[in-house]
Amino acid sequence: MQPVDAPALHRYDQQLQRNSATLRGRAGELRRLAELPRWESMAARLYADLVHTEARLLAGCADRLLDAAEILRRHTDTALRREAELAAVARAAAEAAEGAASAVGEAARSAVRRAGGLLP
């Protein structure tokens, strides 16, 4: 066994005092926690509050996603309705064009018949 010099012994004593003070502090904290009613349930309540807060945030995100989906559905419905209206207008224009073409064709045939009657 080697002899211990005075400075090393002093450092060892200071380290021991610091560690003892830390341990006494921790023991005091544990005693205070033990005196609290159901300190385990307090930790559980804090965790439950955290989970509840996260659930509220997720519910808020879900609500915003549902709102966005509803807006998208309305835009889609509007676009489909406008597409149907445009298709109806196009059909009406096509029918009118067909009627006009038929009338022009009949007028041309009539003009040809009249012109044919004028010819010798």
PDB file of N, CA and C in Angstrom:
ATOM      1  N   MET A   1       0.837  -1.166   0.000  1.00  0.00           N
ATOM      2  CA  MET A   1       0.000   0.000   0.000  1.00  0.00           C
ATOM      3  C   MET A   1       0.889   1.238   0.000  1.00  0.00           C
ATOM      4  N   GLN A   2       0.527   2.167  -0.919  1.00  0.00           N
ATOM      5  CA  GLN A   2       1.341   3.371  -1.052  1.00  0.00           C
ATOM      6  C   GLN A   2       0.850   4.458  -0.095  1.00  0.00           C
ATOM      7  N   PRO A   3       1.755   5.271   0.374  1.00  0.00           N
ATOM      8  CA  PRO A   3       1.328   6.368   1.233  1.00  0.00           C
ATOM      9  C   PRO A   3       0.570   7.426   0.425  1.00  0.00           C
ATOM     10  N   VAL A   4      -0.421   8.029   1.018  1.00  0.00           N
ATOM     11  CA  VAL A   4      -1.241   9.046   0.348  1.00  0.00           C
ATOM     12  C   VAL A   4      -0.746  10.405   0.812  1.00  0.00           C
ATOM     13  N   ASP A   5      -0.464  11.274  -0.158  1.00  0.00           N
ATOM     14  CA  ASP A   5       0.004  12.603   0.229  1.00  0.00           C
ATOM     15  C   ASP A   5      -1.168  13.495   0.622  1.00  0.00           C
ATOM     16  N   ALA A   6      -0.898  14.586   1.285  1.00  0.00           N
ATOM     17  CA  ALA A   6      -1.928  15.469   1.840  1.00  0.00           C
ATOM     18  C   ALA A   6      -2.799  16.108   0.762  1.00  0.00           C
ATOM     19  N   PRO A   7      -2.253  16.618  -0.363  1.00  0.00           N
ATOM     20  CA  PRO A   7      -3.118  17.210  -1.386  1.00  0.00           C
ATOM     21  C   PRO A   7      -4.086  16.188  -1.991  1.00  0.00           C
ATOM     22  N   ALA A   8      -3.643  14.967  -2.236  1.00  0.00           N
ATOM     23  CA  ALA A   8      -4.531  13.934  -2.778  1.00  0.00           C
ATOM     24  C   ALA A   8      -5.634  13.611  -1.787  1.00  0.00           C
ATOM     25  N   LEU A   9      -5.279  13.547  -0.509  1.00  0.00           N
ATOM     26  CA  LEU A   9      -6.277  13.287   0.529  1.00  0.00           C
ATOM     27  C   LEU A   9      -7.298  14.418   0.596  1.00  0.00           C
ATOM     28  N   HIS A  10      -6.847  15.644   0.440  1.00  0.00           N
ATOM     29  CA  HIS A  10      -7.743  16.807   0.463  1.00  0.00           C
ATOM     30  C   HIS A  10      -8.709  16.760  -0.738  1.00  0.00           C
ATOM     31  N   ARG A  11      -8.190  16.447  -1.949  1.00  0.00           N
ATOM     32  CA  ARG A  11      -9.053  16.332  -3.144  1.00  0.00           C
ATOM     33  C   ARG A  11     -10.082  15.227  -2.951  1.00  0.00           C
ATOM     34  N   TYR A  12      -9.661  14.099  -2.410  1.00  0.00           N
ATOM     35  CA  TYR A  12     -10.567  12.981  -2.148  1.00  0.00           C
ATOM     36  C   TYR A  12     -11.662  13.407  -1.172  1.00  0.00           C
ATOM     37  N   ASP A  13     -11.313  14.146  -0.139  1.00  0.00           N
ATOM     38  CA  ASP A  13     -12.282  14.612   0.852  1.00  0.00           C
ATOM     39  C   ASP A  13     -13.286  15.573   0.217  1.00  0.00           C
ATOM     40  N   GLN A  14     -12.823  16.495  -0.634  1.00  0.00           N
ATOM     41  CA  GLN A  14     -13.727  17.435  -1.304  1.00  0.00           C
ATOM     42  C   GLN A  14     -14.688  16.696  -2.238  1.00  0.00           C
ATOM     43  N   GLN A  15     -14.167  15.741  -2.990  1.00  0.00           N
ATOM     44  CA  GLN A  15     -15.016  14.960  -3.898  1.00  0.00           C
ATOM     45  C   GLN A  15     -16.061  14.185  -3.110  1.00  0.00           C
ATOM     46  N   LEU A  16     -15.665  13.610  -2.002  1.00  0.00           N
ATOM     47  CA  LEU A  16     -16.591  12.873  -1.152  1.00  0.00           C
ATOM     48  C   LEU A  16     -17.674  13.795  -0.601  1.00  0.00           C
ATOM     49  N   GLN A  17     -17.303  14.996  -0.184  1.00  0.00           N
ATOM     50  CA  GLN A  17     -18.287  15.953   0.329  1.00  0.00           C
ATOM     51  C   GLN A  17     -19.267  16.371  -0.768  1.00  0.00           C
ATOM     52  N   ARG A  18     -18.749  16.632  -1.990  1.00  0.00           N
ATOM     53  CA  ARG A  18     -19.644  17.001  -3.109  1.00  0.00           C
ATOM     54  C   ARG A  18     -20.615  15.869  -3.420  1.00  0.00           C
ATOM     55  N   ASN A  19     -20.104  14.651  -3.500  1.00  0.00           N
ATOM     56  CA  ASN A  19     -20.969  13.500  -3.788  1.00  0.00           C
ATOM     57  C   ASN A  19     -21.990  13.291  -2.681  1.00  0.00           C
ATOM     58  N   SER A  20     -21.577  13.478  -1.438  1.00  0.00           N
ATOM     59  CA  SER A  20     -22.508  13.319  -0.315  1.00  0.00           C
ATOM     60  C   SER A  20     -23.600  14.378  -0.369  1.00  0.00           C
ATOM     61  N   ALA A  21     -23.214  15.617  -0.688  1.00  0.00           N
ATOM     62  CA  ALA A  21     -24.205  16.692  -0.789  1.00  0.00           C
ATOM     63  C   ALA A  21     -25.201  16.394  -1.910  1.00  0.00           C
ATOM     64  N   THR A  22     -24.696  15.902  -3.030  1.00  0.00           N
ATOM     65  CA  THR A  22     -25.586  15.540  -4.144  1.00  0.00           C
ATOM     66  C   THR A  22     -26.545  14.437  -3.724  1.00  0.00           C
ATOM     67  N   LEU A  23     -26.025  13.414  -3.059  1.00  0.00           N
ATOM     68  CA  LEU A  23     -26.883  12.308  -2.616  1.00  0.00           C
ATOM     69  C   LEU A  23     -27.901  12.772  -1.589  1.00  0.00           C
ATOM     70  N   ARG A  24     -27.487  13.664  -0.656  1.00  0.00           N
ATOM     71  CA  ARG A  24     -28.442  14.185   0.323  1.00  0.00           C
ATOM     72  C   ARG A  24     -29.540  14.989  -0.374  1.00  0.00           C
ATOM     73  N   GLY A  25     -29.154  15.757  -1.393  1.00  0.00           N
ATOM     74  CA  GLY A  25     -30.153  16.519  -2.159  1.00  0.00           C
ATOM     75  C   GLY A  25     -31.145  15.600  -2.850  1.00  0.00           C
ATOM     76  N   ARG A  26     -30.634  14.550  -3.462  1.00  0.00           N
ATOM     77  CA  ARG A  26     -31.526  13.583  -4.141  1.00  0.00           C
ATOM     78  C   ARG A  26     -32.438  12.886  -3.140  1.00  0.00           C
ATOM     79  N   ALA A  27     -31.898  12.555  -1.985  1.00  0.00           N
ATOM     80  CA  ALA A  27     -32.716  11.905  -0.957  1.00  0.00           C
ATOM     81  C   ALA A  27     -33.820  12.840  -0.491  1.00  0.00           C
ATOM     82  N   GLY A  28     -33.487  14.127  -0.353  1.00  0.00           N
ATOM     83  CA  GLY A  28     -34.513  15.102   0.028  1.00  0.00           C
ATOM     84  C   GLY A  28     -35.601  15.213  -1.026  1.00  0.00           C
ATOM     85  N   GLU A  29     -35.204  15.222  -2.296  1.00  0.00           N
ATOM     86  CA  GLU A  29     -36.191  15.275  -3.378  1.00  0.00           C
ATOM     87  C   GLU A  29     -37.088  14.044  -3.349  1.00  0.00           C
ATOM     88  N   LEU A  30     -36.490  12.895  -3.119  1.00  0.00           N
ATOM     89  CA  LEU A  30     -37.284  11.664  -3.056  1.00  0.00           C
ATOM     90  C   LEU A  30     -38.241  11.687  -1.874  1.00  0.00           C
ATOM     91  N   ARG A  31     -37.779  12.223  -0.722  1.00  0.00           N
ATOM     92  CA  ARG A  31     -38.680  12.319   0.436  1.00  0.00           C
ATOM     93  C   ARG A  31     -39.850  13.247   0.125  1.00  0.00           C
ATOM     94  N   ARG A  32     -39.569  14.376  -0.537  1.00  0.00           N
ATOM     95  CA  ARG A  32     -40.660  15.295  -0.896  1.00  0.00           C
ATOM     96  C   ARG A  32     -41.624  14.629  -1.875  1.00  0.00           C
ATOM     97  N   LEU A  33     -41.082  13.902  -2.838  1.00  0.00           N
ATOM     98  CA  LEU A  33     -41.954  13.192  -3.782  1.00  0.00           C
ATOM     99  C   LEU A  33     -42.776  12.124  -3.075  1.00  0.00           C
ATOM    100  N   ALA A  34     -42.150  11.449  -2.120  1.00  0.00           N
ATOM    101  CA  ALA A  34     -42.868  10.401  -1.385  1.00  0.00           C
ATOM    102  C   ALA A  34     -43.976  10.998  -0.533  1.00  0.00           C
ATOM    103  N   GLU A  35     -43.796  12.228  -0.075  1.00  0.00           N
ATOM    104  CA  GLU A  35     -44.832  12.869   0.734  1.00  0.00           C
ATOM    105  C   GLU A  35     -46.004  13.348  -0.116  1.00  0.00           C
ATOM    106  N   LEU A  36     -45.764  13.546  -1.388  1.00  0.00           N
ATOM    107  CA  LEU A  36     -46.860  13.963  -2.261  1.00  0.00           C
ATOM    108  C   LEU A  36     -47.831  12.803  -2.425  1.00  0.00           C
ATOM    109  N   PRO A  37     -49.115  13.116  -2.437  1.00  0.00           N
ATOM    110  CA  PRO A  37     -50.073  12.023  -2.639  1.00  0.00           C
ATOM    111  C   PRO A  37     -49.987  11.504  -4.072  1.00  0.00           C
ATOM    112  N   ARG A  38     -49.713  10.251  -4.156  1.00  0.00           N
ATOM    113  CA  ARG A  38     -49.693   9.549  -5.448  1.00  0.00           C
ATOM    114  C   ARG A  38     -48.818  10.259  -6.476  1.00  0.00           C
ATOM    115  N   TRP A  39     -47.561  10.415  -6.179  1.00  0.00           N
ATOM    116  CA  TRP A  39     -46.695  11.117  -7.113  1.00  0.00           C
ATOM    117  C   TRP A  39     -46.536  10.356  -8.417  1.00  0.00           C
ATOM    118  N   GLU A  40     -46.731   9.041  -8.352  1.00  0.00           N
ATOM    119  CA  GLU A  40     -46.689   8.279  -9.603  1.00  0.00           C
ATOM    120  C   GLU A  40     -47.851   8.681 -10.499  1.00  0.00           C
ATOM    121  N   SER A  41     -49.031   8.860  -9.871  1.00  0.00           N
ATOM    122  CA  SER A  41     -50.192   9.235 -10.677  1.00  0.00           C
ATOM    123  C   SER A  41     -50.039  10.658 -11.199  1.00  0.00           C
ATOM    124  N   MET A  42     -49.280  11.494 -10.478  1.00  0.00           N
ATOM    125  CA  MET A  42     -49.026  12.836 -10.970  1.00  0.00           C
ATOM    126  C   MET A  42     -48.232  12.756 -12.275  1.00  0.00           C
ATOM    127  N   ALA A  43     -47.240  11.905 -12.299  1.00  0.00           N
ATOM    128  CA  ALA A  43     -46.471  11.717 -13.532  1.00  0.00           C
ATOM    129  C   ALA A  43     -47.369  11.155 -14.632  1.00  0.00           C
ATOM    130  N   ALA A  44     -48.239  10.240 -14.249  1.00  0.00           N
ATOM    131  CA  ALA A  44     -49.168   9.674 -15.234  1.00  0.00           C
ATOM    132  C   ALA A  44     -50.117  10.751 -15.751  1.00  0.00           C
ATOM    133  N   ARG A  45     -50.566  11.636 -14.853  1.00  0.00           N
ATOM    134  CA  ARG A  45     -51.455  12.722 -15.283  1.00  0.00           C
ATOM    135  C   ARG A  45     -50.730  13.672 -16.231  1.00  0.00           C
ATOM    136  N   LEU A  46     -49.473  13.976 -15.922  1.00  0.00           N
ATOM    137  CA  LEU A  46     -48.703  14.841 -16.819  1.00  0.00           C
ATOM    138  C   LEU A  46     -48.561  14.204 -18.197  1.00  0.00           C
ATOM    139  N   TYR A  47     -48.284  12.900 -18.205  1.00  0.00           N
ATOM    140  CA  TYR A  47     -48.171  12.188 -19.477  1.00  0.00           C
ATOM    141  C   TYR A  47     -49.512  12.191 -20.208  1.00  0.00           C
ATOM    142  N   ALA A  48     -50.593  11.973 -19.459  1.00  0.00           N
ATOM    143  CA  ALA A  48     -51.926  11.983 -20.071  1.00  0.00           C
ATOM    144  C   ALA A  48     -52.240  13.363 -20.642  1.00  0.00           C
ATOM    145  N   ASP A  49     -51.843  14.418 -19.923  1.00  0.00           N
ATOM    146  CA  ASP A  49     -52.047  15.771 -20.442  1.00  0.00           C
ATOM    147  C   ASP A  49     -51.283  15.982 -21.741  1.00  0.00           C
ATOM    148  N   LEU A  50     -50.059  15.475 -21.782  1.00  0.00           N
ATOM    149  CA  LEU A  50     -49.258  15.590 -22.995  1.00  0.00           C
ATOM    150  C   LEU A  50     -49.916  14.843 -24.153  1.00  0.00           C
ATOM    151  N   VAL A  51     -50.362  13.636 -23.880  1.00  0.00           N
ATOM    152  CA  VAL A  51     -51.026  12.840 -24.923  1.00  0.00           C
ATOM    153  C   VAL A  51     -52.316  13.531 -25.370  1.00  0.00           C
ATOM    154  N   HIS A  52     -53.059  14.088 -24.402  1.00  0.00           N
ATOM    155  CA  HIS A  52     -54.301  14.791 -24.729  1.00  0.00           C
ATOM    156  C   HIS A  52     -54.007  16.012 -25.606  1.00  0.00           C
ATOM    157  N   THR A  53     -52.951  16.747 -25.272  1.00  0.00           N
ATOM    158  CA  THR A  53     -52.572  17.908 -26.079  1.00  0.00           C
ATOM    159  C   THR A  53     -52.206  17.482 -27.495  1.00  0.00           C
ATOM    160  N   GLU A  54     -51.423  16.415 -27.616  1.00  0.00           N
ATOM    161  CA  GLU A  54     -51.067  15.917 -28.948  1.00  0.00           C
ATOM    162  C   GLU A  54     -52.309  15.464 -29.703  1.00  0.00           C
ATOM    163  N   ALA A  55     -53.239  14.828 -28.997  1.00  0.00           N
ATOM    164  CA  ALA A  55     -54.476  14.378 -29.648  1.00  0.00           C
ATOM    165  C   ALA A  55     -55.285  15.571 -30.142  1.00  0.00           C
ATOM    166  N   ARG A  56     -55.327  16.651 -29.346  1.00  0.00           N
ATOM    167  CA  ARG A  56     -56.050  17.853 -29.780  1.00  0.00           C
ATOM    168  C   ARG A  56     -55.398  18.453 -31.015  1.00  0.00           C
ATOM    169  N   LEU A  57     -54.060  18.488 -31.036  1.00  0.00           N
ATOM    170  CA  LEU A  57     -53.362  19.013 -32.210  1.00  0.00           C
ATOM    171  C   LEU A  57     -53.655  18.167 -33.443  1.00  0.00           C
ATOM    172  N   LEU A  58     -53.632  16.843 -33.267  1.00  0.00           N
ATOM    173  CA  LEU A  58     -53.941  15.954 -34.395  1.00  0.00           C
ATOM    174  C   LEU A  58     -55.387  16.114 -34.845  1.00  0.00           C
ATOM    175  N   ALA A  59     -56.300  16.297 -33.885  1.00  0.00           N
ATOM    176  CA  ALA A  59     -57.705  16.507 -34.244  1.00  0.00           C
ATOM    177  C   ALA A  59     -57.861  17.812 -35.015  1.00  0.00           C
ATOM    178  N   GLY A  60     -57.118  18.842 -34.601  1.00  0.00           N
ATOM    179  CA  GLY A  60     -57.148  20.106 -35.337  1.00  0.00           C
ATOM    180  C   GLY A  60     -56.648  19.937 -36.759  1.00  0.00           C
ATOM    181  N   CYS A  61     -55.572  19.178 -36.921  1.00  0.00           N
ATOM    182  CA  CYS A  61     -55.059  18.895 -38.270  1.00  0.00           C
ATOM    183  C   CYS A  61     -56.088  18.125 -39.087  1.00  0.00           C
ATOM    184  N   ALA A  62     -56.738  17.154 -38.460  1.00  0.00           N
ATOM    185  CA  ALA A  62     -57.758  16.367 -39.163  1.00  0.00           C
ATOM    186  C   ALA A  62     -58.924  17.258 -39.584  1.00  0.00           C
ATOM    187  N   ASP A  63     -59.331  18.186 -38.703  1.00  0.00           N
ATOM    188  CA  ASP A  63     -60.410  19.115 -39.059  1.00  0.00           C
ATOM    189  C   ASP A  63     -60.017  19.968 -40.254  1.00  0.00           C
ATOM    190  N   ARG A  64     -58.779  20.445 -40.255  1.00  0.00           N
ATOM    191  CA  ARG A  64     -58.319  21.260 -41.383  1.00  0.00           C
ATOM    192  C   ARG A  64     -58.279  20.439 -42.671  1.00  0.00           C
ATOM    193  N   LEU A  65     -57.873  19.179 -42.571  1.00  0.00           N
ATOM    194  CA  LEU A  65     -57.873  18.311 -43.753  1.00  0.00           C
ATOM    195  C   LEU A  65     -59.289  18.064 -44.257  1.00  0.00           C
ATOM    196  N   LEU A  66     -60.238  17.875 -43.322  1.00  0.00           N
ATOM    197  CA  LEU A  66     -61.631  17.694 -43.729  1.00  0.00           C
ATOM    198  C   LEU A  66     -62.175  18.954 -44.387  1.00  0.00           C
ATOM    199  N   ASP A  67     -61.822  20.130 -43.842  1.00  0.00           N
ATOM    200  CA  ASP A  67     -62.243  21.389 -44.462  1.00  0.00           C
ATOM    201  C   ASP A  67     -61.683  21.508 -45.874  1.00  0.00           C
ATOM    202  N   ALA A  68     -60.408  21.163 -46.026  1.00  0.00           N
ATOM    203  CA  ALA A  68     -59.786  21.224 -47.353  1.00  0.00           C
ATOM    204  C   ALA A  68     -60.456  20.243 -48.315  1.00  0.00           C
ATOM    205  N   ALA A  69     -60.800  19.056 -47.829  1.00  0.00           N
ATOM    206  CA  ALA A  69     -61.485  18.069 -48.675  1.00  0.00           C
ATOM    207  C   ALA A  69     -62.863  18.580 -49.091  1.00  0.00           C
ATOM    208  N   GLU A  70     -63.569  19.244 -48.175  1.00  0.00           N
ATOM    209  CA  GLU A  70     -64.889  19.798 -48.498  1.00  0.00           C
ATOM    210  C   GLU A  70     -64.762  20.905 -49.543  1.00  0.00           C
ATOM    211  N   ILE A  71     -63.761  21.769 -49.388  1.00  0.00           N
ATOM    212  CA  ILE A  71     -63.536  22.830 -50.379  1.00  0.00           C
ATOM    213  C   ILE A  71     -63.217  22.221 -51.741  1.00  0.00           C
ATOM    214  N   LEU A  72     -62.370  21.202 -51.746  1.00  0.00           N
ATOM    215  CA  LEU A  72     -62.029  20.526 -52.996  1.00  0.00           C
ATOM    216  C   LEU A  72     -63.261  19.874 -53.624  1.00  0.00           C
ATOM    217  N   ARG A  73     -64.114  19.258 -52.791  1.00  0.00           N
ATOM    218  CA  ARG A  73     -65.341  18.648 -53.305  1.00  0.00           C
ATOM    219  C   ARG A  73     -66.248  19.696 -53.942  1.00  0.00           C
ATOM    220  N   ARG A  74     -66.362  20.856 -53.285  1.00  0.00           N
ATOM    221  CA  ARG A  74     -67.204  21.924 -53.838  1.00  0.00           C
ATOM    222  C   ARG A  74     -66.655  22.414 -55.170  1.00  0.00           C
ATOM    223  N   HIS A  75     -65.327  22.588 -55.239  1.00  0.00           N
ATOM    224  CA  HIS A  75     -64.724  23.016 -56.504  1.00  0.00           C
ATOM    225  C   HIS A  75     -64.948  21.972 -57.592  1.00  0.00           C
ATOM    226  N   THR A  76     -64.828  20.701 -57.225  1.00  0.00           N
ATOM    227  CA  THR A  76     -65.057  19.625 -58.189  1.00  0.00           C
ATOM    228  C   THR A  76     -66.510  19.622 -58.654  1.00  0.00           C
ATOM    229  N   ASP A  77     -67.449  19.777 -57.703  1.00  0.00           N
ATOM    230  CA  ASP A  77     -68.868  19.834 -58.068  1.00  0.00           C
ATOM    231  C   ASP A  77     -69.140  21.009 -59.003  1.00  0.00           C
ATOM    232  N   THR A  78     -68.548  22.165 -58.683  1.00  0.00           N
ATOM    233  CA  THR A  78     -68.732  23.344 -59.529  1.00  0.00           C
ATOM    234  C   THR A  78     -68.159  23.093 -60.919  1.00  0.00           C
ATOM    235  N   ALA A  79     -66.974  22.508 -60.979  1.00  0.00           N
ATOM    236  CA  ALA A  79     -66.351  22.218 -62.275  1.00  0.00           C
ATOM    237  C   ALA A  79     -67.194  21.225 -63.075  1.00  0.00           C
ATOM    238  N   LEU A  80     -67.709  20.187 -62.410  1.00  0.00           N
ATOM    239  CA  LEU A  80     -68.556  19.209 -63.111  1.00  0.00           C
ATOM    240  C   LEU A  80     -69.848  19.853 -63.602  1.00  0.00           C
ATOM    241  N   ARG A  81     -70.426  20.717 -62.769  1.00  0.00           N
ATOM    242  CA  ARG A  81     -71.662  21.397 -63.163  1.00  0.00           C
ATOM    243  C   ARG A  81     -71.397  22.311 -64.360  1.00  0.00           C
ATOM    244  N   ARG A  82     -70.287  23.048 -64.335  1.00  0.00           N
ATOM    245  CA  ARG A  82     -69.948  23.930 -65.458  1.00  0.00           C
ATOM    246  C   ARG A  82     -69.649  23.117 -66.715  1.00  0.00           C
ATOM    247  N   GLU A  83     -68.994  21.974 -66.531  1.00  0.00           N
ATOM    248  CA  GLU A  83     -68.714  21.109 -67.674  1.00  0.00           C
ATOM    249  C   GLU A  83     -70.023  20.616 -68.294  1.00  0.00           C
ATOM    250  N   ALA A  84     -70.977  20.242 -67.448  1.00  0.00           N
ATOM    251  CA  ALA A  84     -72.281  19.788 -67.950  1.00  0.00           C
ATOM    252  C   ALA A  84     -73.009  20.930 -68.661  1.00  0.00           C
ATOM    253  N   GLU A  85     -72.926  22.145 -68.095  1.00  0.00           N
ATOM    254  CA  GLU A  85     -73.564  23.297 -68.735  1.00  0.00           C
ATOM    255  C   GLU A  85     -72.931  23.578 -70.096  1.00  0.00           C
ATOM    256  N   LEU A  86     -71.592  23.520 -70.150  1.00  0.00           N
ATOM    257  CA  LEU A  86     -70.900  23.746 -71.422  1.00  0.00           C
ATOM    258  C   LEU A  86     -71.242  22.663 -72.441  1.00  0.00           C
ATOM    259  N   ALA A  87     -71.369  21.430 -71.991  1.00  0.00           N
ATOM    260  CA  ALA A  87     -71.745  20.340 -72.899  1.00  0.00           C
ATOM    261  C   ALA A  87     -73.151  20.570 -73.445  1.00  0.00           C
ATOM    262  N   ALA A  88     -74.067  21.036 -72.591  1.00  0.00           N
ATOM    263  CA  ALA A  88     -75.436  21.311 -73.043  1.00  0.00           C
ATOM    264  C   ALA A  88     -75.439  22.452 -74.059  1.00  0.00           C
ATOM    265  N   VAL A  89     -74.657  23.496 -73.800  1.00  0.00           N
ATOM    266  CA  VAL A  89     -74.560  24.613 -74.744  1.00  0.00           C
ATOM    267  C   VAL A  89     -73.950  24.131 -76.058  1.00  0.00           C
ATOM    268  N   ALA A  90     -72.930  23.287 -75.982  1.00  0.00           N
ATOM    269  CA  ALA A  90     -72.300  22.764 -77.199  1.00  0.00           C
ATOM    270  C   ALA A  90     -73.286  21.916 -77.996  1.00  0.00           C
ATOM    271  N   ARG A  91     -74.091  21.091 -77.307  1.00  0.00           N
ATOM    272  CA  ARG A  91     -75.105  20.285 -78.010  1.00  0.00           C
ATOM    273  C   ARG A  91     -76.141  21.191 -78.679  1.00  0.00           C
ATOM    274  N   ALA A  92     -76.574  22.224 -77.950  1.00  0.00           N
ATOM    275  CA  ALA A  92     -77.556  23.152 -78.525  1.00  0.00           C
ATOM    276  C   ALA A  92     -76.956  23.883 -79.727  1.00  0.00           C
ATOM    277  N   ALA A  93     -75.692  24.287 -79.618  1.00  0.00           N
ATOM    278  CA  ALA A  93     -75.039  24.965 -80.744  1.00  0.00           C
ATOM    279  C   ALA A  93     -74.894  24.014 -81.931  1.00  0.00           C
ATOM    280  N   ALA A  94     -74.564  22.755 -81.657  1.00  0.00           N
ATOM    281  CA  ALA A  94     -74.436  21.772 -82.740  1.00  0.00           C
ATOM    282  C   ALA A  94     -75.785  21.540 -83.411  1.00  0.00           C
ATOM    283  N   GLU A  95     -76.852  21.447 -82.617  1.00  0.00           N
ATOM    284  CA  GLU A  95     -78.193  21.262 -83.192  1.00  0.00           C
ATOM    285  C   GLU A  95     -78.597  22.484 -84.008  1.00  0.00           C
ATOM    286  N   ALA A  96     -78.271  23.686 -83.490  1.00  0.00           N
ATOM    287  CA  ALA A  96     -78.586  24.911 -84.230  1.00  0.00           C
ATOM    288  C   ALA A  96     -77.780  24.972 -85.524  1.00  0.00           C
ATOM    289  N   ALA A  97     -76.513  24.585 -85.454  1.00  0.00           N
ATOM    290  CA  ALA A  97     -75.677  24.585 -86.657  1.00  0.00           C
ATOM    291  C   ALA A  97     -76.202  23.569 -87.663  1.00  0.00           C
ATOM    292  N   GLU A  98     -76.643  22.418 -87.169  1.00  0.00           N
ATOM    293  CA  GLU A  98     -77.211  21.403 -88.067  1.00  0.00           C
ATOM    294  C   GLU A  98     -78.484  21.927 -88.721  1.00  0.00           C
ATOM    295  N   GLY A  99     -79.318  22.590 -87.904  1.00  0.00           N
ATOM    296  CA  GLY A  99     -80.546  23.176 -88.463  1.00  0.00           C
ATOM    297  C   GLY A  99     -80.232  24.262 -89.477  1.00  0.00           C
ATOM    298  N   ALA A 100     -79.243  25.098 -89.176  1.00  0.00           N
ATOM    299  CA  ALA A 100     -78.861  26.160 -90.104  1.00  0.00           C
ATOM    300  C   ALA A 100     -78.283  25.563 -91.383  1.00  0.00           C
ATOM    301  N   ALA A 101     -77.464  24.536 -91.249  1.00  0.00           N
ATOM    302  CA  ALA A 101     -76.889  23.889 -92.430  1.00  0.00           C
ATOM    303  C   ALA A 101     -77.986  23.261 -93.276  1.00  0.00           C
ATOM    304  N   SER A 102     -78.964  22.672 -92.626  1.00  0.00           N
ATOM    305  CA  SER A 102     -80.083  22.071 -93.348  1.00  0.00           C
ATOM    306  C   SER A 102     -80.875  23.148 -94.083  1.00  0.00           C
ATOM    307  N   ALA A 103     -81.108  24.276 -93.393  1.00  0.00           N
ATOM    308  CA  ALA A 103     -81.851  25.371 -94.021  1.00  0.00           C
ATOM    309  C   ALA A 103     -81.064  25.959 -95.191  1.00  0.00           C
ATOM    310  N   VAL A 104     -79.766  26.134 -95.034  1.00  0.00           N
ATOM    311  CA  VAL A 104     -78.930  26.660 -96.116  1.00  0.00           C
ATOM    312  C   VAL A 104     -78.935  25.682 -97.286  1.00  0.00           C
ATOM    313  N   GLY A 105     -78.841  24.395 -96.978  1.00  0.00           N
ATOM    314  CA  GLY A 105     -78.868  23.387 -98.043  1.00  0.00           C
ATOM    315  C   GLY A 105     -80.198  23.405 -98.789  1.00  0.00           C
ATOM    316  N   GLU A 106     -81.292  23.522 -98.056  1.00  0.00           N
ATOM    317  CA  GLU A 106     -82.615  23.574 -98.687  1.00  0.00           C
ATOM    318  C   GLU A 106     -82.749  24.830 -99.528  1.00  0.00           C
ATOM    319  N   ALA A 107     -82.248  25.954 -99.011  1.00  0.00           N
ATOM    320  CA  ALA A 107     -82.302  27.201 -99.776  1.00  0.00           C
ATOM    321  C   ALA A 107     -81.464  27.078-101.044  1.00  0.00           C
ATOM    322  N   ALA A 108     -80.316  26.444-100.940  1.00  0.00           N
ATOM    323  CA  ALA A 108     -79.462  26.270-102.117  1.00  0.00           C
ATOM    324  C   ALA A 108     -80.149  25.367-103.138  1.00  0.00           C
ATOM    325  N   ARG A 109     -80.773  24.299-102.686  1.00  0.00           N
ATOM    326  CA  ARG A 109     -81.481  23.405-103.602  1.00  0.00           C
ATOM    327  C   ARG A 109     -82.656  24.137-104.260  1.00  0.00           C
ATOM    328  N   SER A 110     -83.336  24.939-103.467  1.00  0.00           N
ATOM    329  CA  SER A 110     -84.464  25.700-104.004  1.00  0.00           C
ATOM    330  C   SER A 110     -83.976  26.701-105.044  1.00  0.00           C
ATOM    331  N   ALA A 111     -82.855  27.355-104.734  1.00  0.00           N
ATOM    332  CA  ALA A 111     -82.304  28.321-105.687  1.00  0.00           C
ATOM    333  C   ALA A 111     -81.882  27.616-106.973  1.00  0.00           C
ATOM    334  N   VAL A 112     -81.315  26.435-106.842  1.00  0.00           N
ATOM    335  CA  VAL A 112     -80.903  25.674-108.025  1.00  0.00           C
ATOM    336  C   VAL A 112     -82.131  25.273-108.832  1.00  0.00           C
ATOM    337  N   ARG A 113     -83.217  24.876-108.155  1.00  0.00           N
ATOM    338  CA  ARG A 113     -84.444  24.491-108.869  1.00  0.00           C
ATOM    339  C   ARG A 113     -85.029  25.689-109.613  1.00  0.00           C
ATOM    340  N   ARG A 114     -85.037  26.843-108.917  1.00  0.00           N
ATOM    341  CA  ARG A 114     -85.565  28.039-109.570  1.00  0.00           C
ATOM    342  C   ARG A 114     -84.686  28.433-110.753  1.00  0.00           C
ATOM    343  N   ALA A 115     -83.394  28.338-110.512  1.00  0.00           N
ATOM    344  CA  ALA A 115     -82.480  28.685-111.600  1.00  0.00           C
ATOM    345  C   ALA A 115     -82.630  27.684-112.747  1.00  0.00           C
ATOM    346  N   GLY A 116     -82.898  26.463-112.420  1.00  0.00           N
ATOM    347  CA  GLY A 116     -83.081  25.444-113.450  1.00  0.00           C
ATOM    348  C   GLY A 116     -84.358  25.687-114.250  1.00  0.00           C
ATOM    349  N   GLY A 117     -85.368  26.272-113.645  1.00  0.00           N
ATOM    350  CA  GLY A 117     -86.610  26.569-114.341  1.00  0.00           C
ATOM    351  C   GLY A 117     -86.460  27.758-115.255  1.00  0.00           C
ATOM    352  N   LEU A 118     -85.491  28.590-114.985  1.00  0.00           N
ATOM    353  CA  LEU A 118     -85.274  29.765-115.813  1.00  0.00           C
ATOM    354  C   LEU A 118     -84.445  29.427-117.046  1.00  0.00           C
ATOM    355  N   LEU A 119     -83.723  28.351-116.939  1.00  0.00           N
ATOM    356  CA  LEU A 119     -82.888  27.966-118.061  1.00  0.00           C
ATOM    357  C   LEU A 119     -83.753  27.350-119.166  1.00  0.00           C
ATOM    358  N   PRO A 120     -83.353  27.578-120.424  1.00  0.00           N
ATOM    359  CA  PRO A 120     -84.128  26.999-121.522  1.00  0.00           C
ATOM    360  C   PRO A 120     -83.985  25.499-121.629  1.00  0.00           C
TER     361      PRO A 120
END
